[in-house]
Protein backbone atom coordinates (compact mmCIF):
# COMPACT_ATOMS: atom_id res chain seq x y z
CA THR A 1 -43.82 10.24 -61.44
CA ASN A 2 -41.66 7.53 -62.93
CA GLY A 3 -38.67 8.04 -65.24
CA VAL A 4 -35.17 7.78 -65.70
CA PHE A 5 -32.06 9.77 -65.19
CA ILE A 6 -29.89 10.10 -68.23
CA ASN A 7 -26.38 11.49 -68.23
CA MET A 8 -24.85 13.94 -71.05
CA SER A 9 -24.04 10.68 -73.03
CA GLY A 10 -27.45 9.54 -73.17
CA GLU A 11 -26.83 6.50 -70.69
CA VAL A 12 -29.25 5.38 -68.18
CA VAL A 13 -27.66 6.18 -64.83
CA GLY A 14 -30.91 5.94 -62.68
CA ILE A 15 -34.63 5.34 -62.23
CA ILE A 16 -37.00 7.79 -60.41
CA THR A 17 -38.60 6.00 -57.62
CA HIS A 18 -40.58 8.75 -55.93
CA ASP A 19 -41.60 12.38 -56.32
CA HIS A 20 -43.08 14.12 -52.99
CA LYS A 21 -44.37 17.58 -52.66
CA ASP A 22 -45.99 19.31 -49.86
CA ASP A 23 -46.49 22.99 -48.57
CA LYS A 24 -43.47 23.27 -46.82
CA ASN A 25 -40.78 21.67 -49.46
CA ALA A 26 -40.64 21.86 -53.15
CA THR A 27 -40.64 18.65 -55.14
CA CYS A 28 -38.21 16.08 -54.15
CA THR A 29 -37.39 13.04 -56.29
CA THR A 30 -35.60 10.20 -55.02
CA MET A 31 -33.71 7.64 -57.41
CA VAL A 32 -32.12 4.35 -57.45
CA ALA A 33 -28.74 4.17 -59.29
CA ILE A 34 -28.71 2.07 -62.24
CA ASP A 35 -26.03 -0.09 -61.22
CA SER A 36 -27.73 -1.50 -57.98
CA ILE A 37 -30.64 -2.65 -60.04
CA LYS A 38 -28.90 -3.97 -62.96
CA ASN A 39 -29.27 -7.77 -61.90
CA VAL A 40 -33.20 -6.96 -61.11
CA ILE A 41 -33.44 -5.67 -64.63
CA GLY A 42 -31.85 -8.80 -66.30
CA ASP A 43 -33.96 -11.28 -63.89
CA LEU A 44 -37.15 -9.13 -65.15
CA ALA A 45 -35.87 -9.63 -68.87
CA ASN A 46 -35.25 -13.24 -68.54
CA CYS A 47 -38.44 -14.03 -66.43
CA THR A 48 -35.99 -15.48 -63.89
CA SER A 49 -37.42 -17.03 -60.71
CA HIS A 50 -36.27 -16.01 -57.26
CA THR A 51 -37.05 -16.47 -53.53
CA TYR A 52 -39.43 -14.42 -51.83
CA LEU A 53 -39.74 -13.35 -48.34
CA GLY A 54 -42.15 -10.20 -48.69
CA VAL A 55 -40.60 -7.35 -47.06
CA VAL A 56 -39.96 -3.68 -48.11
CA ALA A 57 -37.13 -2.57 -45.80
CA LYS A 58 -34.60 0.26 -45.20
CA GLU A 59 -31.73 1.14 -43.41
CA THR A 60 -32.65 1.94 -39.79
CA PRO A 61 -31.84 5.89 -38.90
CA SER A 62 -28.84 6.15 -36.71
CA ALA A 63 -30.76 8.06 -34.23
CA VAL A 64 -32.95 5.30 -33.82
CA LEU A 65 -30.36 2.78 -33.50
CA GLU A 66 -28.50 4.72 -30.99
CA ARG A 67 -31.62 5.19 -28.89
CA LEU A 68 -32.17 1.09 -28.89
CA GLY A 69 -28.20 0.57 -28.49
CA LEU A 70 -28.11 -1.26 -31.72
CA ASP A 71 -25.17 -0.75 -34.51
CA TYR A 72 -27.35 -2.35 -37.56
CA GLY A 73 -30.87 -3.16 -38.54
CA LEU A 74 -33.28 -2.96 -41.35
CA TYR A 75 -36.56 -0.88 -40.96
CA VAL A 76 -39.61 -2.71 -42.13
CA THR A 77 -41.81 -0.11 -44.25
CA GLU A 78 -44.11 -2.87 -45.60
CA VAL A 79 -45.05 -6.31 -45.23
CA LYS A 80 -46.83 -8.02 -48.39
CA ALA A 81 -50.12 -9.58 -47.87
CA GLY A 82 -49.83 -13.09 -47.86
CA SER A 83 -46.25 -13.15 -47.94
CA PRO A 84 -44.03 -15.28 -45.87
CA ALA A 85 -43.03 -12.37 -43.74
CA GLU A 86 -46.57 -11.94 -43.11
CA ILE A 87 -47.42 -15.36 -42.10
CA ALA A 88 -44.09 -15.67 -39.85
CA GLY A 89 -45.53 -12.43 -38.10
CA ILE A 90 -43.42 -9.75 -39.31
CA LYS A 91 -45.19 -6.28 -39.22
CA LYS A 92 -44.30 -2.73 -40.58
CA GLY A 93 -42.11 -1.21 -38.21
CA ASP A 94 -40.27 -4.32 -36.66
CA ILE A 95 -36.51 -4.08 -37.21
CA LEU A 96 -34.90 -6.93 -38.64
CA LEU A 97 -31.41 -7.62 -37.18
CA SER A 98 -30.31 -10.78 -38.39
CA ILE A 99 -31.55 -14.18 -40.74
CA ASP A 100 -29.94 -17.57 -39.82
CA GLY A 101 -27.33 -15.68 -37.61
CA LEU A 102 -26.39 -13.03 -40.58
CA LYS A 103 -26.40 -9.58 -39.55
CA LEU A 104 -28.67 -7.31 -41.80
CA VAL A 105 -26.31 -4.12 -41.77
CA ASP A 106 -27.90 -2.88 -45.05
CA VAL A 107 -30.54 -3.89 -47.83
CA GLU A 108 -28.08 -5.02 -50.06
CA SER A 109 -27.15 -7.89 -47.22
CA LEU A 110 -31.08 -8.71 -47.12
CA ARG A 111 -30.71 -9.03 -50.84
CA ALA A 112 -27.67 -11.18 -50.96
CA LEU A 113 -29.07 -13.34 -48.45
CA LEU A 114 -32.34 -14.02 -50.14
CA ASP A 115 -30.29 -14.69 -53.84
CA HIS A 116 -28.37 -17.23 -52.17
CA SER A 117 -31.70 -19.00 -50.72
CA ASN A 118 -33.90 -21.56 -52.06
CA PRO A 119 -37.62 -21.75 -52.12
CA MET A 120 -39.11 -23.65 -49.22
CA ASP A 121 -35.79 -22.69 -47.10
CA ARG A 122 -36.80 -21.74 -43.52
CA LEU A 123 -35.14 -18.92 -42.12
CA ASP A 124 -34.93 -18.17 -38.57
CA ILE A 125 -35.25 -14.12 -38.23
CA GLU A 126 -34.26 -12.25 -35.30
CA LEU A 127 -36.16 -8.78 -35.01
CA ILE A 128 -36.94 -5.73 -32.54
CA ARG A 129 -40.59 -5.03 -31.76
CA ASN A 130 -41.45 -2.55 -29.17
CA SER A 131 -38.11 -2.31 -27.77
CA GLN A 132 -38.23 -6.10 -27.36
CA ILE A 133 -36.20 -8.87 -29.40
CA GLU A 134 -38.28 -11.53 -30.93
CA SER A 135 -37.69 -14.61 -33.07
CA VAL A 136 -39.63 -15.57 -36.03
CA SER A 137 -39.25 -18.21 -38.44
CA ALA A 138 -40.16 -17.98 -42.38
CA MET A 139 -40.35 -20.17 -45.44
CA LEU A 140 -39.72 -18.70 -48.56
CA LEU A 141 -41.50 -18.90 -51.30
CA GLU A 142 -40.66 -18.76 -55.12
CA THR A 143 -41.78 -15.96 -57.27
CA ASP A 144 -41.58 -15.30 -60.96
CA PHE A 145 -40.56 -11.79 -62.42
CA VAL A 146 -42.34 -11.47 -65.63
CA LEU A 147 -41.74 -8.66 -67.99
CA LYS A 148 -45.11 -7.55 -69.23
CA THR A 149 -45.25 -6.01 -72.83
CA THR A 150 -47.79 -4.00 -74.58
CA GLU A 151 -49.08 -5.32 -77.79
């Protein structure tokens, strides 16, 4: 289910990103705070282009980091088909450690790095796969956000 969370003043404070229900749990709804996506909404409205790597990542659970002897890293949950990430060989399940020597401590650090990069920039990416450190190189592409309206 998609939707928005609104406070008592009628202001949008978040966007529903996922509903999950199974036989063990009641419905669990997750949301993204509006403050963390205001820039994206503005970009969509203005058809702004951005650099594109093509990964969906989240903070790696602390238990996994501890098992691997790491303090940080982003767990890759999805690699978009035909994306620079896929071409570079990044796979679902990899843990991204750094890009061009900059540590990826949270999703915002990845977002900020991509926001300050340009299309056709080649990025050196250090990752963990099967408990082994690997290095790959990806060339960023440009993508256009297009706001589609119904007529």
